[in-house]
């Protein structure tokens, strides 16, 4: 019931674009259009505040004054839970809409609401350093139905990089994962904590079989 302030809208003629009128609502959600040609139109709004497409017809010398109510914007909303089904708070979730990133952070009860600009299929992802989404490839369609997304804690391989003299190497090095069996190599991405320990996601090794002989090489 709140006024939709500073909202861009358009009055579209059914067949003649030259008769279209664009406008922006004021601080109280009001707008006024004049010199409207006779004919059939559609009044359209599409924003993060909501959307509306309503058919209107105008006759000569007839004034119209009425209120319009926006429909809620399309969204993917629900609750984020861990593997035990308990709500997870403070986790940033995001998806992509029209080349823009749409974000929200889960509340104390795990609830989130990703407000979108159009109906399509979306993946819900997280930038959390602690959790992974169990099914990151699942597609969701905006609706009034609340969804449940499950996360699991990330598992890390922890260790230290030491110099030949036993001193912890803290910076200026890169890691490489070498598969000596398949004769392949790839960059190895890791983070380093304050104690100098490196943290490597265990999921990095998911394509390595029990028969593979691997080596972590340090380049500094």
C-alpha atoms as a PDB file:
ATOM      1  CA  UNK A   1       0.000   0.000   0.000  1.00  0.00           C
ATOM      2  CA  UNK A   2       3.021   2.332   0.015  1.00  0.00           C
ATOM      3  CA  UNK A   3       3.380   4.920  -2.777  1.00  0.00           C
ATOM      4  CA  UNK A   4       5.666   3.787  -5.597  1.00  0.00           C
ATOM      5  CA  UNK A   5       7.899   6.862  -5.713  1.00  0.00           C
ATOM      6  CA  UNK A   6      10.321   7.730  -8.527  1.00  0.00           C
ATOM      7  CA  UNK A   7       9.080   4.844 -10.646  1.00  0.00           C
ATOM      8  CA  UNK A   8       9.511   4.905 -14.431  1.00  0.00           C
ATOM      9  CA  UNK A   9       6.454   3.969 -16.466  1.00  0.00           C
ATOM     10  CA  UNK A  10       5.223   4.022 -20.019  1.00  0.00           C
ATOM     11  CA  UNK A  11       1.813   4.384 -21.655  1.00  0.00           C
ATOM     12  CA  UNK A  12       2.008   2.369 -24.871  1.00  0.00           C
ATOM     13  CA  UNK A  13      -0.351   2.807 -27.794  1.00  0.00           C
ATOM     14  CA  UNK A  14      -1.506  -0.494 -29.283  1.00  0.00           C
ATOM     15  CA  UNK A  15      -0.163   0.250 -32.775  1.00  0.00           C
ATOM     16  CA  UNK A  16       1.463   3.698 -32.996  1.00  0.00           C
ATOM     17  CA  UNK A  17       4.736   4.147 -31.087  1.00  0.00           C
ATOM     18  CA  UNK A  18       4.717   7.898 -31.739  1.00  0.00           C
ATOM     19  CA  UNK A  19       1.773   8.156 -29.327  1.00  0.00           C
ATOM     20  CA  UNK A  20       3.635   6.457 -26.458  1.00  0.00           C
ATOM     21  CA  UNK A  21       4.279   8.497 -23.328  1.00  0.00           C
ATOM     22  CA  UNK A  22       7.002   7.872 -20.745  1.00  0.00           C
ATOM     23  CA  UNK A  23       6.928   9.359 -17.249  1.00  0.00           C
ATOM     24  CA  UNK A  24       8.231   9.043 -13.677  1.00  0.00           C
ATOM     25  CA  UNK A  25       6.071   9.065 -10.553  1.00  0.00           C
ATOM     26  CA  UNK A  26       6.708  11.756  -7.912  1.00  0.00           C
ATOM     27  CA  UNK A  27       7.599  11.268  -4.236  1.00  0.00           C
ATOM     28  CA  UNK A  28       3.979  10.329  -3.485  1.00  0.00           C
ATOM     29  CA  UNK A  29       3.630   7.919  -6.407  1.00  0.00           C
ATOM     30  CA  UNK A  30       1.511  10.350  -8.434  1.00  0.00           C
ATOM     31  CA  UNK A  31       1.778  10.929 -12.160  1.00  0.00           C
ATOM     32  CA  UNK A  32      -0.195  12.968 -14.685  1.00  0.00           C
ATOM     33  CA  UNK A  33      -0.363  12.600 -18.446  1.00  0.00           C
ATOM     34  CA  UNK A  34      -1.984  15.049 -20.814  1.00  0.00           C
ATOM     35  CA  UNK A  35      -2.718  15.343 -24.523  1.00  0.00           C
ATOM     36  CA  UNK A  36      -3.348  11.623 -24.885  1.00  0.00           C
ATOM     37  CA  UNK A  37      -4.646  10.653 -28.298  1.00  0.00           C
ATOM     38  CA  UNK A  38      -7.756   8.530 -28.600  1.00  0.00           C
ATOM     39  CA  UNK A  39      -7.232   4.798 -28.741  1.00  0.00           C
ATOM     40  CA  UNK A  40      -6.246   1.689 -26.813  1.00  0.00           C
ATOM     41  CA  UNK A  41      -3.151   1.650 -24.636  1.00  0.00           C
ATOM     42  CA  UNK A  42      -1.334  -0.421 -22.046  1.00  0.00           C
ATOM     43  CA  UNK A  43       0.080   1.139 -18.889  1.00  0.00           C
ATOM     44  CA  UNK A  44       3.325  -0.602 -17.958  1.00  0.00           C
ATOM     45  CA  UNK A  45       5.707  -0.586 -14.990  1.00  0.00           C
ATOM     46  CA  UNK A  46       8.610  -2.961 -14.473  1.00  0.00           C
ATOM     47  CA  UNK A  47      10.975  -2.399 -11.556  1.00  0.00           C
ATOM     48  CA  UNK A  48      12.344  -3.806  -8.309  1.00  0.00           C
ATOM     49  CA  UNK A  49       9.277  -2.277  -6.600  1.00  0.00           C
ATOM     50  CA  UNK A  50       6.883  -4.325  -8.706  1.00  0.00           C
ATOM     51  CA  UNK A  51       5.314  -4.587 -12.132  1.00  0.00           C
ATOM     52  CA  UNK A  52       2.066  -3.787 -13.887  1.00  0.00           C
ATOM     53  CA  UNK A  53       0.575  -4.194 -17.348  1.00  0.00           C
ATOM     54  CA  UNK A  54      -2.965  -2.847 -17.593  1.00  0.00           C
ATOM     55  CA  UNK A  55      -5.097  -2.155 -20.661  1.00  0.00           C
ATOM     56  CA  UNK A  56      -6.673   1.278 -20.942  1.00  0.00           C
ATOM     57  CA  UNK A  57      -8.842   3.019 -23.527  1.00  0.00           C
ATOM     58  CA  UNK A  58      -9.088   6.773 -24.033  1.00  0.00           C
ATOM     59  CA  UNK A  59     -11.828   8.715 -25.777  1.00  0.00           C
ATOM     60  CA  UNK A  60     -11.740  12.347 -26.844  1.00  0.00           C
ATOM     61  CA  UNK A  61     -12.062  14.947 -24.062  1.00  0.00           C
ATOM     62  CA  UNK A  62     -12.431  12.267 -21.361  1.00  0.00           C
ATOM     63  CA  UNK A  63     -10.312  12.631 -18.197  1.00  0.00           C
ATOM     64  CA  UNK A  64      -9.320   9.615 -16.099  1.00  0.00           C
ATOM     65  CA  UNK A  65      -8.281   9.583 -12.443  1.00  0.00           C
ATOM     66  CA  UNK A  66      -7.639   6.288 -10.679  1.00  0.00           C
ATOM     67  CA  UNK A  67      -5.159   4.325  -8.573  1.00  0.00           C
ATOM     68  CA  UNK A  68      -3.044   1.463  -9.864  1.00  0.00           C
ATOM     69  CA  UNK A  69      -1.589  -1.340  -7.757  1.00  0.00           C
ATOM     70  CA  UNK A  70       1.711  -2.969  -8.651  1.00  0.00           C
ATOM     71  CA  UNK A  71       2.106  -6.718  -8.563  1.00  0.00           C
ATOM     72  CA  UNK A  72       4.992  -7.986  -6.389  1.00  0.00           C
ATOM     73  CA  UNK A  73       8.232  -8.331  -8.354  1.00  0.00           C
ATOM     74  CA  UNK A  74       9.231 -11.875  -9.346  1.00  0.00           C
ATOM     75  CA  UNK A  75      11.478 -13.438  -6.737  1.00  0.00           C
ATOM     76  CA  UNK A  76      13.115 -16.647  -5.606  1.00  0.00           C
ATOM     77  CA  UNK A  77      12.657 -16.874  -1.856  1.00  0.00           C
ATOM     78  CA  UNK A  78      12.745 -19.433   0.900  1.00  0.00           C
ATOM     79  CA  UNK A  79      15.038 -20.688   3.632  1.00  0.00           C
ATOM     80  CA  UNK A  80      18.647 -21.893   3.712  1.00  0.00           C
ATOM     81  CA  UNK A  81      19.325 -24.943   5.905  1.00  0.00           C
ATOM     82  CA  UNK A  82      22.326 -27.096   6.769  1.00  0.00           C
ATOM     83  CA  UNK A  83      22.562 -30.872   6.421  1.00  0.00           C
ATOM     84  CA  UNK A  84      20.684 -31.292   9.708  1.00  0.00           C
ATOM     85  CA  UNK A  85      17.847 -29.094   8.454  1.00  0.00           C
ATOM     86  CA  UNK A  86      18.677 -26.161  10.739  1.00  0.00           C
ATOM     87  CA  UNK A  87      18.455 -22.589   9.378  1.00  0.00           C
ATOM     88  CA  UNK A  88      21.773 -20.996   8.430  1.00  0.00           C
ATOM     89  CA  UNK A  89      22.077 -17.245   9.021  1.00  0.00           C
ATOM     90  CA  UNK A  90      24.444 -14.668   7.570  1.00  0.00           C
ATOM     91  CA  UNK A  91      25.160 -16.428   4.273  1.00  0.00           C
ATOM     92  CA  UNK A  92      25.313 -14.326   1.107  1.00  0.00           C
ATOM     93  CA  UNK A  93      23.329 -15.812  -1.778  1.00  0.00           C
ATOM     94  CA  UNK A  94      23.279 -14.489  -5.319  1.00  0.00           C
ATOM     95  CA  UNK A  95      22.005 -15.130  -8.822  1.00  0.00           C
ATOM     96  CA  UNK A  96      22.232 -13.356 -12.178  1.00  0.00           C
ATOM     97  CA  UNK A  97      19.488 -11.325 -13.856  1.00  0.00           C
ATOM     98  CA  UNK A  98      19.957  -9.344 -17.092  1.00  0.00           C
ATOM     99  CA  UNK A  99      23.736  -9.255 -16.672  1.00  0.00           C
ATOM    100  CA  UNK A 100      23.357  -7.944 -13.117  1.00  0.00           C
ATOM    101  CA  UNK A 101      24.050  -9.742  -9.861  1.00  0.00           C
ATOM    102  CA  UNK A 102      21.108 -10.002  -7.440  1.00  0.00           C
ATOM    103  CA  UNK A 103      22.146 -10.652  -3.828  1.00  0.00           C
ATOM    104  CA  UNK A 104      20.626 -11.247  -0.417  1.00  0.00           C
ATOM    105  CA  UNK A 105      21.918 -12.383   2.972  1.00  0.00           C
ATOM    106  CA  UNK A 106      20.044 -14.997   4.970  1.00  0.00           C
ATOM    107  CA  UNK A 107      18.333 -13.722   8.107  1.00  0.00           C
ATOM    108  CA  UNK A 108      18.496 -15.236  11.606  1.00  0.00           C
ATOM    109  CA  UNK A 109      15.805 -17.752  10.603  1.00  0.00           C
ATOM    110  CA  UNK A 110      17.635 -18.650   7.363  1.00  0.00           C
ATOM    111  CA  UNK A 111      15.132 -16.819   5.153  1.00  0.00           C
ATOM    112  CA  UNK A 112      16.180 -15.022   1.965  1.00  0.00           C
ATOM    113  CA  UNK A 113      14.510 -13.192  -0.912  1.00  0.00           C
ATOM    114  CA  UNK A 114      16.188 -12.650  -4.283  1.00  0.00           C
ATOM    115  CA  UNK A 115      14.154  -9.992  -6.112  1.00  0.00           C
ATOM    116  CA  UNK A 116      14.399 -10.275  -9.896  1.00  0.00           C
ATOM    117  CA  UNK A 117      13.316  -8.248 -12.906  1.00  0.00           C
ATOM    118  CA  UNK A 118      11.757 -10.982 -14.994  1.00  0.00           C
ATOM    119  CA  UNK A 119      10.540 -14.558 -14.908  1.00  0.00           C
ATOM    120  CA  UNK A 120      13.190 -17.009 -16.045  1.00  0.00           C
ATOM    121  CA  UNK A 121      15.190 -19.901 -14.635  1.00  0.00           C
ATOM    122  CA  UNK A 122      17.892 -19.085 -12.098  1.00  0.00           C
ATOM    123  CA  UNK A 123      20.667 -20.860 -10.225  1.00  0.00           C
ATOM    124  CA  UNK A 124      21.121 -19.824  -6.602  1.00  0.00           C
ATOM    125  CA  UNK A 125      24.795 -19.638  -5.601  1.00  0.00           C
ATOM    126  CA  UNK A 126      26.796 -18.564  -2.566  1.00  0.00           C
ATOM    127  CA  UNK A 127      30.035 -16.695  -2.001  1.00  0.00           C
ATOM    128  CA  UNK A 128      30.420 -18.196   1.475  1.00  0.00           C
ATOM    129  CA  UNK A 129      33.884 -19.331   2.543  1.00  0.00           C
ATOM    130  CA  UNK A 130      32.321 -21.847   4.936  1.00  0.00           C
ATOM    131  CA  UNK A 131      29.438 -23.473   3.040  1.00  0.00           C
ATOM    132  CA  UNK A 132      28.763 -24.989  -0.378  1.00  0.00           C
ATOM    133  CA  UNK A 133      25.283 -25.373  -1.860  1.00  0.00           C
ATOM    134  CA  UNK A 134      24.479 -29.071  -2.193  1.00  0.00           C
ATOM    135  CA  UNK A 135      22.856 -28.726  -5.617  1.00  0.00           C
ATOM    136  CA  UNK A 136      24.303 -25.584  -7.249  1.00  0.00           C
ATOM    137  CA  UNK A 137      23.091 -26.550 -10.732  1.00  0.00           C
ATOM    138  CA  UNK A 138      19.396 -26.737  -9.829  1.00  0.00           C
ATOM    139  CA  UNK A 139      17.243 -24.150 -11.610  1.00  0.00           C
ATOM    140  CA  UNK A 140      14.496 -22.194  -9.852  1.00  0.00           C
ATOM    141  CA  UNK A 141      11.601 -20.232 -11.382  1.00  0.00           C
ATOM    142  CA  UNK A 142      10.328 -17.131  -9.512  1.00  0.00           C
ATOM    143  CA  UNK A 143       7.028 -17.859  -7.762  1.00  0.00           C
ATOM    144  CA  UNK A 144       5.146 -17.314  -4.511  1.00  0.00           C
ATOM    145  CA  UNK A 145       6.212 -20.779  -3.364  1.00  0.00           C
ATOM    146  CA  UNK A 146       8.991 -20.804  -0.773  1.00  0.00           C
ATOM    147  CA  UNK A 147      11.920 -23.099  -1.516  1.00  0.00           C
ATOM    148  CA  UNK A 148      14.405 -24.849   0.745  1.00  0.00           C
ATOM    149  CA  UNK A 149      18.074 -24.802  -0.245  1.00  0.00           C
ATOM    150  CA  UNK A 150      20.514 -27.030   1.602  1.00  0.00           C
ATOM    151  CA  UNK A 151      24.179 -26.327   2.213  1.00  0.00           C
ATOM    152  CA  UNK A 152      27.089 -28.346   3.549  1.00  0.00           C
ATOM    153  CA  UNK A 153      30.262 -27.209   5.254  1.00  0.00           C
ATOM    154  CA  UNK A 154      33.336 -27.010   3.080  1.00  0.00           C
ATOM    155  CA  UNK A 155      36.102 -29.490   3.867  1.00  0.00           C
ATOM    156  CA  UNK A 156      39.712 -28.364   3.535  1.00  0.00           C
ATOM    157  CA  UNK A 157      43.095 -30.009   3.261  1.00  0.00           C
ATOM    158  CA  UNK A 158      45.244 -28.100   5.744  1.00  0.00           C
ATOM    159  CA  UNK A 159      49.000 -27.831   5.888  1.00  0.00           C
ATOM    160  CA  UNK A 160      52.066 -25.596   5.795  1.00  0.00           C
ATOM    161  CA  UNK A 161      54.669 -24.799   3.175  1.00  0.00           C
ATOM    162  CA  UNK A 162      58.164 -24.989   4.706  1.00  0.00           C
ATOM    163  CA  UNK A 163      61.518 -23.882   3.374  1.00  0.00           C
ATOM    164  CA  UNK A 164      64.414 -26.417   3.412  1.00  0.00           C
ATOM    165  CA  UNK A 165      65.442 -24.935   6.766  1.00  0.00           C
ATOM    166  CA  UNK A 166      61.972 -25.517   8.233  1.00  0.00           C
ATOM    167  CA  UNK A 167      60.707 -21.926   8.146  1.00  0.00           C
ATOM    168  CA  UNK A 168      57.052 -21.427   7.240  1.00  0.00           C
ATOM    169  CA  UNK A 169      56.740 -19.865   3.798  1.00  0.00           C
ATOM    170  CA  UNK A 170      53.977 -17.277   4.054  1.00  0.00           C
ATOM    171  CA  UNK A 171      53.852 -15.488   0.695  1.00  0.00           C
ATOM    172  CA  UNK A 172      55.210 -15.122  -2.819  1.00  0.00           C
ATOM    173  CA  UNK A 173      54.561 -18.664  -3.954  1.00  0.00           C
ATOM    174  CA  UNK A 174      52.134 -20.527  -6.166  1.00  0.00           C
ATOM    175  CA  UNK A 175      50.905 -24.111  -5.948  1.00  0.00           C
ATOM    176  CA  UNK A 176      50.486 -26.623  -8.722  1.00  0.00           C
ATOM    177  CA  UNK A 177      48.719 -29.977  -8.623  1.00  0.00           C
ATOM    178  CA  UNK A 178      50.620 -32.544 -10.665  1.00  0.00           C
ATOM    179  CA  UNK A 179      49.026 -35.865 -11.643  1.00  0.00           C
ATOM    180  CA  UNK A 180      52.082 -38.017 -12.323  1.00  0.00           C
ATOM    181  CA  UNK A 181      49.945 -40.952 -13.495  1.00  0.00           C
ATOM    182  CA  UNK A 182      48.029 -38.989 -16.138  1.00  0.00           C
ATOM    183  CA  UNK A 183      50.943 -36.595 -16.763  1.00  0.00           C
ATOM    184  CA  UNK A 184      48.797 -33.497 -16.275  1.00  0.00           C
ATOM    185  CA  UNK A 185      49.104 -30.406 -14.106  1.00  0.00           C
ATOM    186  CA  UNK A 186      46.877 -27.554 -13.035  1.00  0.00           C
ATOM    187  CA  UNK A 187      47.094 -24.467 -10.802  1.00  0.00           C
ATOM    188  CA  UNK A 188      46.089 -25.180  -7.223  1.00  0.00           C
ATOM    189  CA  UNK A 189      44.068 -22.475  -5.517  1.00  0.00           C
ATOM    190  CA  UNK A 190      44.482 -22.125  -1.769  1.00  0.00           C
ATOM    191  CA  UNK A 191      44.000 -19.592   0.995  1.00  0.00           C
ATOM    192  CA  UNK A 192      46.415 -18.944   3.846  1.00  0.00           C
ATOM    193  CA  UNK A 193      45.380 -18.224   7.431  1.00  0.00           C
ATOM    194  CA  UNK A 194      47.205 -16.126  10.034  1.00  0.00           C
ATOM    195  CA  UNK A 195      49.305 -19.073  11.229  1.00  0.00           C
ATOM    196  CA  UNK A 196      50.628 -19.627   7.724  1.00  0.00           C
ATOM    197  CA  UNK A 197      48.544 -22.753   7.138  1.00  0.00           C
ATOM    198  CA  UNK A 198      47.223 -23.265   3.638  1.00  0.00           C
ATOM    199  CA  UNK A 199      43.627 -24.331   3.097  1.00  0.00           C
ATOM    200  CA  UNK A 200      42.798 -26.307  -0.059  1.00  0.00           C
ATOM    201  CA  UNK A 201      39.212 -27.325  -0.779  1.00  0.00           C
ATOM    202  CA  UNK A 202      38.902 -31.111  -0.822  1.00  0.00           C
ATOM    203  CA  UNK A 203      36.516 -30.791  -3.770  1.00  0.00           C
ATOM    204  CA  UNK A 204      39.627 -29.827  -5.779  1.00  0.00           C
ATOM    205  CA  UNK A 205      40.579 -33.495  -5.765  1.00  0.00           C
ATOM    206  CA  UNK A 206      37.208 -34.967  -6.766  1.00  0.00           C
ATOM    207  CA  UNK A 207      38.414 -35.924 -10.265  1.00  0.00           C
ATOM    208  CA  UNK A 208      41.433 -37.803  -8.933  1.00  0.00           C
ATOM    209  CA  UNK A 209      41.108 -41.599  -8.666  1.00  0.00           C
ATOM    210  CA  UNK A 210      42.668 -43.882  -6.060  1.00  0.00           C
ATOM    211  CA  UNK A 211      45.160 -45.115  -8.675  1.00  0.00           C
ATOM    212  CA  UNK A 212      46.501 -41.652  -9.474  1.00  0.00           C
ATOM    213  CA  UNK A 213      49.819 -40.575  -8.050  1.00  0.00           C
ATOM    214  CA  UNK A 214      49.689 -36.850  -7.333  1.00  0.00           C
ATOM    215  CA  UNK A 215      52.138 -34.229  -6.185  1.00  0.00           C
ATOM    216  CA  UNK A 216      51.669 -30.700  -4.883  1.00  0.00           C
ATOM    217  CA  UNK A 217      54.476 -28.539  -6.202  1.00  0.00           C
ATOM    218  CA  UNK A 218      55.523 -25.148  -4.836  1.00  0.00           C
ATOM    219  CA  UNK A 219      56.862 -22.417  -7.071  1.00  0.00           C
ATOM    220  CA  UNK A 220      58.303 -19.307  -5.427  1.00  0.00           C
END
